[in-house]
PDB file of N, CA and C in Angstrom:
ATOM      1  N   MET A   1       0.853  -1.176   0.000  1.00  0.00           N
ATOM      2  CA  MET A   1       0.000   0.000   0.000  1.00  0.00           C
ATOM      3  C   MET A   1       0.900   1.242   0.000  1.00  0.00           C
ATOM      4  N   PRO A   2       0.625   2.199  -0.882  1.00  0.00           N
ATOM      5  CA  PRO A   2       1.437   3.406  -0.902  1.00  0.00           C
ATOM      6  C   PRO A   2       1.239   4.199   0.388  1.00  0.00           C
ATOM      7  N   ALA A   3       2.316   4.825   0.815  1.00  0.00           N
ATOM      8  CA  ALA A   3       2.262   5.622   2.044  1.00  0.00           C
ATOM      9  C   ALA A   3       1.523   6.927   1.788  1.00  0.00           C
ATOM     10  N   LEU A   4       0.922   7.415   2.826  1.00  0.00           N
ATOM     11  CA  LEU A   4       0.255   8.706   2.779  1.00  0.00           C
ATOM     12  C   LEU A   4       1.272   9.728   3.262  1.00  0.00           C
ATOM     13  N   ASP A   5       1.469  10.800   2.538  1.00  0.00           N
ATOM     14  CA  ASP A   5       2.431  11.823   2.934  1.00  0.00           C
ATOM     15  C   ASP A   5       1.814  12.684   4.026  1.00  0.00           C
ATOM     16  N   LEU A   6       2.321  12.528   5.237  1.00  0.00           N
ATOM     17  CA  LEU A   6       1.799  13.264   6.388  1.00  0.00           C
ATOM     18  C   LEU A   6       2.006  14.767   6.284  1.00  0.00           C
ATOM     19  N   ASP A   7       2.932  15.176   5.442  1.00  0.00           N
ATOM     20  CA  ASP A   7       3.249  16.600   5.338  1.00  0.00           C
ATOM     21  C   ASP A   7       2.568  17.280   4.156  1.00  0.00           C
ATOM     22  N   ARG A   8       1.524  16.654   3.668  1.00  0.00           N
ATOM     23  CA  ARG A   8       0.696  17.244   2.609  1.00  0.00           C
ATOM     24  C   ARG A   8      -0.714  17.437   3.134  1.00  0.00           C
ATOM     25  N   ALA A   9      -1.470  18.249   2.429  1.00  0.00           N
ATOM     26  CA  ALA A   9      -2.859  18.533   2.825  1.00  0.00           C
ATOM     27  C   ALA A   9      -3.795  17.508   2.184  1.00  0.00           C
ATOM     28  N   TRP A  10      -4.685  16.947   2.986  1.00  0.00           N
ATOM     29  CA  TRP A  10      -5.686  15.994   2.529  1.00  0.00           C
ATOM     30  C   TRP A  10      -7.044  16.432   3.041  1.00  0.00           C
ATOM     31  N   ASP A  11      -8.089  15.981   2.366  1.00  0.00           N
ATOM     32  CA  ASP A  11      -9.465  16.302   2.758  1.00  0.00           C
ATOM     33  C   ASP A  11     -10.325  15.057   2.614  1.00  0.00           C
ATOM     34  N   LEU A  12     -11.435  15.074   3.290  1.00  0.00           N
ATOM     35  CA  LEU A  12     -12.463  14.072   3.061  1.00  0.00           C
ATOM     36  C   LEU A  12     -12.967  14.299   1.637  1.00  0.00           C
ATOM     37  N   HIS A  13     -13.138  13.231   0.877  1.00  0.00           N
ATOM     38  CA  HIS A  13     -13.644  13.364  -0.491  1.00  0.00           C
ATOM     39  C   HIS A  13     -15.008  14.062  -0.430  1.00  0.00           C
ATOM     40  N   PRO A  14     -15.289  15.000  -1.340  1.00  0.00           N
ATOM     41  CA  PRO A  14     -16.559  15.736  -1.281  1.00  0.00           C
ATOM     42  C   PRO A  14     -17.803  14.853  -1.429  1.00  0.00           C
ATOM     43  N   ARG A  15     -17.644  13.650  -1.958  1.00  0.00           N
ATOM     44  CA  ARG A  15     -18.805  12.759  -2.128  1.00  0.00           C
ATOM     45  C   ARG A  15     -18.899  11.714  -1.019  1.00  0.00           C
ATOM     46  N   VAL A  16     -18.163  11.955   0.072  1.00  0.00           N
ATOM     47  CA  VAL A  16     -18.198  11.027   1.202  1.00  0.00           C
ATOM     48  C   VAL A  16     -19.029  11.625   2.325  1.00  0.00           C
ATOM     49  N   SER A  17     -19.911  10.804   2.840  1.00  0.00           N
ATOM     50  CA  SER A  17     -20.746  11.176   3.973  1.00  0.00           C
ATOM     51  C   SER A  17     -20.234  10.463   5.220  1.00  0.00           C
ATOM     52  N   VAL A  18     -20.191  11.186   6.334  1.00  0.00           N
ATOM     53  CA  VAL A  18     -19.731  10.616   7.598  1.00  0.00           C
ATOM     54  C   VAL A  18     -20.920  10.530   8.540  1.00  0.00           C
ATOM     55  N   ARG A  19     -21.144   9.339   9.064  1.00  0.00           N
ATOM     56  CA  ARG A  19     -22.197   9.163  10.052  1.00  0.00           C
ATOM     57  C   ARG A  19     -21.578   8.658  11.346  1.00  0.00           C
ATOM     58  N   PRO A  20     -21.443   9.546  12.339  1.00  0.00           N
ATOM     59  CA  PRO A  20     -20.883   9.114  13.627  1.00  0.00           C
ATOM     60  C   PRO A  20     -21.755   8.035  14.266  1.00  0.00           C
ATOM     61  N   GLU A  21     -21.099   7.092  14.882  1.00  0.00           N
ATOM     62  CA  GLU A  21     -21.754   5.975  15.572  1.00  0.00           C
ATOM     63  C   GLU A  21     -21.061   5.798  16.924  1.00  0.00           C
ATOM     64  N   PRO A  22     -21.675   5.094  17.867  1.00  0.00           N
ATOM     65  CA  PRO A  22     -21.035   4.869  19.165  1.00  0.00           C
ATOM     66  C   PRO A  22     -19.656   4.198  19.059  1.00  0.00           C
ATOM     67  N   PHE A  23     -19.457   3.360  18.047  1.00  0.00           N
ATOM     68  CA  PHE A  23     -18.180   2.649  17.878  1.00  0.00           C
ATOM     69  C   PHE A  23     -17.149   3.461  17.110  1.00  0.00           C
ATOM     70  N   GLY A  24     -17.540   4.564  16.477  1.00  0.00           N
ATOM     71  CA  GLY A  24     -16.661   5.352  15.624  1.00  0.00           C
ATOM     72  C   GLY A  24     -17.485   6.059  14.571  1.00  0.00           C
ATOM     73  N   ALA A  25     -17.497   5.503  13.340  1.00  0.00           N
ATOM     74  CA  ALA A  25     -18.295   6.128  12.279  1.00  0.00           C
ATOM     75  C   ALA A  25     -18.405   5.209  11.077  1.00  0.00           C
ATOM     76  N   LEU A  26     -19.398   5.513  10.263  1.00  0.00           N
ATOM     77  CA  LEU A  26     -19.546   4.908   8.942  1.00  0.00           C
ATOM     78  C   LEU A  26     -19.223   5.982   7.920  1.00  0.00           C
ATOM     79  N   LEU A  27     -18.420   5.646   6.930  1.00  0.00           N
ATOM     80  CA  LEU A  27     -18.132   6.538   5.819  1.00  0.00           C
ATOM     81  C   LEU A  27     -18.717   5.905   4.574  1.00  0.00           C
ATOM     82  N   TYR A  28     -19.509   6.669   3.842  1.00  0.00           N
ATOM     83  CA  TYR A  28     -20.106   6.163   2.608  1.00  0.00           C
ATOM     84  C   TYR A  28     -19.712   7.077   1.464  1.00  0.00           C
ATOM     85  N   HIS A  29     -19.150   6.471   0.417  1.00  0.00           N
ATOM     86  CA  HIS A  29     -18.734   7.225  -0.768  1.00  0.00           C
ATOM     87  C   HIS A  29     -19.834   7.094  -1.816  1.00  0.00           C
ATOM     88  N   PHE A  30     -20.514   8.193  -2.121  1.00  0.00           N
ATOM     89  CA  PHE A  30     -21.625   8.161  -3.067  1.00  0.00           C
ATOM     90  C   PHE A  30     -21.173   7.920  -4.508  1.00  0.00           C
ATOM     91  N   GLY A  31     -19.913   8.165  -4.803  1.00  0.00           N
ATOM     92  CA  GLY A  31     -19.412   7.924  -6.153  1.00  0.00           C
ATOM     93  C   GLY A  31     -19.068   6.465  -6.391  1.00  0.00           C
ATOM     94  N   THR A  32     -18.379   5.866  -5.450  1.00  0.00           N
ATOM     95  CA  THR A  32     -17.946   4.475  -5.612  1.00  0.00           C
ATOM     96  C   THR A  32     -18.880   3.485  -4.933  1.00  0.00           C
ATOM     97  N   ARG A  33     -19.777   3.997  -4.100  1.00  0.00           N
ATOM     98  CA  ARG A  33     -20.727   3.197  -3.327  1.00  0.00           C
ATOM     99  C   ARG A  33     -20.030   2.289  -2.326  1.00  0.00           C
ATOM    100  N   ARG A  34     -18.848   2.710  -1.895  1.00  0.00           N
ATOM    101  CA  ARG A  34     -18.096   1.957  -0.893  1.00  0.00           C
ATOM    102  C   ARG A  34     -18.446   2.448   0.493  1.00  0.00           C
ATOM    103  N   LEU A  35     -18.395   1.535   1.426  1.00  0.00           N
ATOM    104  CA  LEU A  35     -18.669   1.823   2.818  1.00  0.00           C
ATOM    105  C   LEU A  35     -17.428   1.461   3.626  1.00  0.00           C
ATOM    106  N   SER A  36     -17.020   2.354   4.518  1.00  0.00           N
ATOM    107  CA  SER A  36     -15.896   2.079   5.411  1.00  0.00           C
ATOM    108  C   SER A  36     -16.342   2.285   6.846  1.00  0.00           C
ATOM    109  N   PHE A  37     -15.817   1.452   7.714  1.00  0.00           N
ATOM    110  CA  PHE A  37     -16.103   1.561   9.133  1.00  0.00           C
ATOM    111  C   PHE A  37     -14.877   2.111   9.842  1.00  0.00           C
ATOM    112  N   LEU A  38     -15.070   3.159  10.611  1.00  0.00           N
ATOM    113  CA  LEU A  38     -13.991   3.665  11.459  1.00  0.00           C
ATOM    114  C   LEU A  38     -14.314   3.209  12.872  1.00  0.00           C
ATOM    115  N   LYS A  39     -13.461   2.387  13.432  1.00  0.00           N
ATOM    116  CA  LYS A  39     -13.708   1.851  14.765  1.00  0.00           C
ATOM    117  C   LYS A  39     -12.863   2.565  15.813  1.00  0.00           C
ATOM    118  N   ASP A  40     -12.410   3.737  15.477  1.00  0.00           N
ATOM    119  CA  ASP A  40     -11.533   4.509  16.358  1.00  0.00           C
ATOM    120  C   ASP A  40     -12.000   5.959  16.326  1.00  0.00           C
ATOM    121  N   ARG A  41     -12.453   6.456  17.457  1.00  0.00           N
ATOM    122  CA  ARG A  41     -12.987   7.814  17.507  1.00  0.00           C
ATOM    123  C   ARG A  41     -11.899   8.864  17.278  1.00  0.00           C
ATOM    124  N   THR A  42     -10.660   8.530  17.600  1.00  0.00           N
ATOM    125  CA  THR A  42      -9.556   9.457  17.327  1.00  0.00           C
ATOM    126  C   THR A  42      -9.339   9.577  15.826  1.00  0.00           C
ATOM    127  N   LEU A  43      -9.399   8.457  15.117  1.00  0.00           N
ATOM    128  CA  LEU A  43      -9.277   8.497  13.654  1.00  0.00           C
ATOM    129  C   LEU A  43     -10.418   9.319  13.061  1.00  0.00           C
ATOM    130  N   LEU A  44     -11.601   9.156  13.592  1.00  0.00           N
ATOM    131  CA  LEU A  44     -12.736   9.962  13.143  1.00  0.00           C
ATOM    132  C   LEU A  44     -12.451  11.444  13.337  1.00  0.00           C
ATOM    133  N   ALA A  45     -11.904  11.800  14.483  1.00  0.00           N
ATOM    134  CA  ALA A  45     -11.577  13.205  14.756  1.00  0.00           C
ATOM    135  C   ALA A  45     -10.553  13.731  13.751  1.00  0.00           C
ATOM    136  N   VAL A  46      -9.577  12.916  13.399  1.00  0.00           N
ATOM    137  CA  VAL A  46      -8.584  13.322  12.392  1.00  0.00           C
ATOM    138  C   VAL A  46      -9.270  13.559  11.054  1.00  0.00           C
ATOM    139  N   VAL A  47     -10.069  12.595  10.611  1.00  0.00           N
ATOM    140  CA  VAL A  47     -10.754  12.697   9.312  1.00  0.00           C
ATOM    141  C   VAL A  47     -11.630  13.946   9.282  1.00  0.00           C
ATOM    142  N   GLN A  48     -12.340  14.206  10.359  1.00  0.00           N
ATOM    143  CA  GLN A  48     -13.228  15.367  10.394  1.00  0.00           C
ATOM    144  C   GLN A  48     -12.465  16.687  10.462  1.00  0.00           C
ATOM    145  N   SER A  49     -11.213  16.663  10.885  1.00  0.00           N
ATOM    146  CA  SER A  49     -10.464  17.912  11.011  1.00  0.00           C
ATOM    147  C   SER A  49      -9.472  18.155   9.872  1.00  0.00           C
ATOM    148  N   LEU A  50      -9.380  17.242   8.921  1.00  0.00           N
ATOM    149  CA  LEU A  50      -8.400  17.399   7.832  1.00  0.00           C
ATOM    150  C   LEU A  50      -8.512  18.748   7.125  1.00  0.00           C
ATOM    151  N   ALA A  51      -9.717  19.177   6.835  1.00  0.00           N
ATOM    152  CA  ALA A  51      -9.912  20.423   6.076  1.00  0.00           C
ATOM    153  C   ALA A  51      -9.448  21.659   6.845  1.00  0.00           C
ATOM    154  N   GLU A  52      -9.351  21.549   8.153  1.00  0.00           N
ATOM    155  CA  GLU A  52      -8.972  22.695   8.987  1.00  0.00           C
ATOM    156  C   GLU A  52      -7.468  22.853   9.149  1.00  0.00           C
ATOM    157  N   HIS A  53      -6.688  21.903   8.632  1.00  0.00           N
ATOM    158  CA  HIS A  53      -5.245  21.906   8.882  1.00  0.00           C
ATOM    159  C   HIS A  53      -4.458  21.859   7.583  1.00  0.00           C
ATOM    160  N   PRO A  54      -3.243  22.427   7.612  1.00  0.00           N
ATOM    161  CA  PRO A  54      -2.434  22.471   6.386  1.00  0.00           C
ATOM    162  C   PRO A  54      -1.815  21.133   6.014  1.00  0.00           C
ATOM    163  N   THR A  55      -1.719  20.205   6.974  1.00  0.00           N
ATOM    164  CA  THR A  55      -1.146  18.888   6.699  1.00  0.00           C
ATOM    165  C   THR A  55      -1.874  17.832   7.525  1.00  0.00           C
ATOM    166  N   VAL A  56      -1.694  16.590   7.126  1.00  0.00           N
ATOM    167  CA  VAL A  56      -2.243  15.474   7.898  1.00  0.00           C
ATOM    168  C   VAL A  56      -1.576  15.431   9.267  1.00  0.00           C
ATOM    169  N   ARG A  57      -0.276  15.675   9.301  1.00  0.00           N
ATOM    170  CA  ARG A  57       0.460  15.668  10.565  1.00  0.00           C
ATOM    171  C   ARG A  57      -0.138  16.688  11.539  1.00  0.00           C
ATOM    172  N   ALA A  58      -0.465  17.877  11.041  1.00  0.00           N
ATOM    173  CA  ALA A  58      -1.064  18.912  11.900  1.00  0.00           C
ATOM    174  C   ALA A  58      -2.437  18.480  12.403  1.00  0.00           C
ATOM    175  N   ALA A  59      -3.213  17.813  11.557  1.00  0.00           N
ATOM    176  CA  ALA A  59      -4.527  17.321  11.977  1.00  0.00           C
ATOM    177  C   ALA A  59      -4.365  16.263  13.066  1.00  0.00           C
ATOM    178  N   CYS A  60      -3.400  15.386  12.907  1.00  0.00           N
ATOM    179  CA  CYS A  60      -3.144  14.353  13.909  1.00  0.00           C
ATOM    180  C   CYS A  60      -2.700  14.970  15.235  1.00  0.00           C
ATOM    181  N   THR A  61      -1.805  15.911  15.166  1.00  0.00           N
ATOM    182  CA  THR A  61      -1.325  16.576  16.377  1.00  0.00           C
ATOM    183  C   THR A  61      -2.469  17.295  17.088  1.00  0.00           C
ATOM    184  N   SER A  62      -3.369  17.882  16.329  1.00  0.00           N
ATOM    185  CA  SER A  62      -4.464  18.654  16.926  1.00  0.00           C
ATOM    186  C   SER A  62      -5.423  17.799  17.748  1.00  0.00           C
ATOM    187  N   VAL A  63      -5.486  16.499  17.446  1.00  0.00           N
ATOM    188  CA  VAL A  63      -6.377  15.620  18.213  1.00  0.00           C
ATOM    189  C   VAL A  63      -5.618  14.799  19.252  1.00  0.00           C
ATOM    190  N   GLY A  64      -4.329  15.120  19.427  1.00  0.00           N
ATOM    191  CA  GLY A  64      -3.563  14.505  20.498  1.00  0.00           C
ATOM    192  C   GLY A  64      -2.792  13.248  20.144  1.00  0.00           C
ATOM    193  N   ILE A  65      -2.579  12.983  18.877  1.00  0.00           N
ATOM    194  CA  ILE A  65      -1.801  11.806  18.470  1.00  0.00           C
ATOM    195  C   ILE A  65      -0.322  12.139  18.595  1.00  0.00           C
ATOM    196  N   ASP A  66       0.407  11.330  19.374  1.00  0.00           N
ATOM    197  CA  ASP A  66       1.835  11.575  19.560  1.00  0.00           C
ATOM    198  C   ASP A  66       2.651  10.819  18.508  1.00  0.00           C
ATOM    199  N   ASP A  67       3.952  11.071  18.486  1.00  0.00           N
ATOM    200  CA  ASP A  67       4.828  10.467  17.470  1.00  0.00           C
ATOM    201  C   ASP A  67       4.814   8.940  17.513  1.00  0.00           C
ATOM    202  N   ALA A  68       4.673   8.362  18.705  1.00  0.00           N
ATOM    203  CA  ALA A  68       4.675   6.905  18.827  1.00  0.00           C
ATOM    204  C   ALA A  68       3.438   6.280  18.169  1.00  0.00           C
ATOM    205  N   ALA A  69       2.307   6.952  18.236  1.00  0.00           N
ATOM    206  CA  ALA A  69       1.061   6.425  17.671  1.00  0.00           C
ATOM    207  C   ALA A  69       0.861   6.824  16.210  1.00  0.00           C
ATOM    208  N   LEU A  70       1.626   7.776  15.733  1.00  0.00           N
ATOM    209  CA  LEU A  70       1.430   8.323  14.382  1.00  0.00           C
ATOM    210  C   LEU A  70       1.467   7.266  13.270  1.00  0.00           C
ATOM    211  N   PRO A  71       2.395   6.294  13.279  1.00  0.00           N
ATOM    212  CA  PRO A  71       2.413   5.304  12.182  1.00  0.00           C
ATOM    213  C   PRO A  71       1.104   4.524  12.054  1.00  0.00           C
ATOM    214  N   ARG A  72       0.471   4.220  13.161  1.00  0.00           N
ATOM    215  CA  ARG A  72      -0.807   3.494  13.120  1.00  0.00           C
ATOM    216  C   ARG A  72      -1.872   4.308  12.383  1.00  0.00           C
ATOM    217  N   TYR A  73      -1.936   5.601  12.681  1.00  0.00           N
ATOM    218  CA  TYR A  73      -2.925   6.459  12.031  1.00  0.00           C
ATOM    219  C   TYR A  73      -2.543   6.740  10.575  1.00  0.00           C
ATOM    220  N   GLU A  74      -1.257   6.810  10.314  1.00  0.00           N
ATOM    221  CA  GLU A  74      -0.805   6.987   8.930  1.00  0.00           C
ATOM    222  C   GLU A  74      -1.267   5.804   8.076  1.00  0.00           C
ATOM    223  N   ARG A  75      -1.143   4.582   8.607  1.00  0.00           N
ATOM    224  CA  ARG A  75      -1.597   3.393   7.863  1.00  0.00           C
ATOM    225  C   ARG A  75      -3.109   3.425   7.644  1.00  0.00           C
ATOM    226  N   ALA A  76      -3.840   3.794   8.678  1.00  0.00           N
ATOM    227  CA  ALA A  76      -5.307   3.851   8.558  1.00  0.00           C
ATOM    228  C   ALA A  76      -5.723   4.894   7.524  1.00  0.00           C
ATOM    229  N   LEU A  77      -5.080   6.039   7.547  1.00  0.00           N
ATOM    230  CA  LEU A  77      -5.406   7.095   6.580  1.00  0.00           C
ATOM    231  C   LEU A  77      -4.987   6.698   5.166  1.00  0.00           C
ATOM    232  N   ALA A  78      -3.892   5.969   5.031  1.00  0.00           N
ATOM    233  CA  ALA A  78      -3.460   5.488   3.714  1.00  0.00           C
ATOM    234  C   ALA A  78      -4.504   4.521   3.145  1.00  0.00           C
ATOM    235  N   THR A  79      -5.095   3.699   4.005  1.00  0.00           N
ATOM    236  CA  THR A  79      -6.157   2.795   3.568  1.00  0.00           C
ATOM    237  C   THR A  79      -7.367   3.594   3.093  1.00  0.00           C
ATOM    238  N   LEU A  80      -7.709   4.652   3.829  1.00  0.00           N
ATOM    239  CA  LEU A  80      -8.823   5.512   3.409  1.00  0.00           C
ATOM    240  C   LEU A  80      -8.503   6.225   2.097  1.00  0.00           C
ATOM    241  N   ALA A  81      -7.255   6.595   1.899  1.00  0.00           N
ATOM    242  CA  ALA A  81      -6.854   7.233   0.636  1.00  0.00           C
ATOM    243  C   ALA A  81      -6.945   6.245  -0.520  1.00  0.00           C
ATOM    244  N   GLN A  82      -6.552   5.005  -0.263  1.00  0.00           N
ATOM    245  CA  GLN A  82      -6.595   3.982  -1.308  1.00  0.00           C
ATOM    246  C   GLN A  82      -8.028   3.740  -1.781  1.00  0.00           C
ATOM    247  N   SER A  83      -8.993   3.893  -0.885  1.00  0.00           N
ATOM    248  CA  SER A  83     -10.392   3.694  -1.263  1.00  0.00           C
ATOM    249  C   SER A  83     -11.087   5.011  -1.622  1.00  0.00           C
ATOM    250  N   SER A  84     -10.316   6.073  -1.771  1.00  0.00           N
ATOM    251  CA  SER A  84     -10.798   7.406  -2.171  1.00  0.00           C
ATOM    252  C   SER A  84     -11.744   8.053  -1.161  1.00  0.00           C
ATOM    253  N   MET A  85     -11.688   7.638   0.085  1.00  0.00           N
ATOM    254  CA  MET A  85     -12.485   8.290   1.121  1.00  0.00           C
ATOM    255  C   MET A  85     -11.867   9.651   1.473  1.00  0.00           C
ATOM    256  N   VAL A  86     -10.534   9.692   1.451  1.00  0.00           N
ATOM    257  CA  VAL A  86      -9.830  10.964   1.612  1.00  0.00           C
ATOM    258  C   VAL A  86      -8.982  11.171   0.363  1.00  0.00           C
ATOM    259  N   VAL A  87      -8.820  12.420  -0.012  1.00  0.00           N
ATOM    260  CA  VAL A  87      -8.072  12.759  -1.225  1.00  0.00           C
ATOM    261  C   VAL A  87      -7.100  13.894  -0.932  1.00  0.00           C
ATOM    262  N   GLU A  88      -6.012  13.892  -1.663  1.00  0.00           N
ATOM    263  CA  GLU A  88      -5.044  14.974  -1.483  1.00  0.00           C
ATOM    264  C   GLU A  88      -5.665  16.281  -1.948  1.00  0.00           C
ATOM    265  N   ARG A  89      -5.475  17.301  -1.144  1.00  0.00           N
ATOM    266  CA  ARG A  89      -6.020  18.620  -1.452  1.00  0.00           C
ATOM    267  C   ARG A  89      -5.224  19.217  -2.614  1.00  0.00           C
ATOM    268  N   THR A  90      -5.939  19.781  -3.567  1.00  0.00           N
ATOM    269  CA  THR A  90      -5.285  20.436  -4.694  1.00  0.00           C
ATOM    270  C   THR A  90      -5.258  21.939  -4.437  1.00  0.00           C
ATOM    271  N   PRO A  91      -4.154  22.564  -4.833  1.00  0.00           N
ATOM    272  CA  PRO A  91      -4.018  24.019  -4.569  1.00  0.00           C
ATOM    273  C   PRO A  91      -5.036  24.855  -5.299  1.00  0.00           C
TER     274      PRO A  91
END
């Protein structure tokens, strides 16, 4: 799986809907009709805050993810990028 560049800006795809749930959230992509389950409320917080930050790293830091936990979230976000749930922000 290609790595997600933490030092670039990413956003939730405009055709993705987020439905918070007690376990985390459901993400539904209206273009691809794919459904993803987020079972981590911290990951949900990162995904929801991507648009507010200049980089993925800044979004992660803003929700309290430290350097030791960062690789785990980087992998999760890379999986979301692979399924087009999140996309790199274009200038």
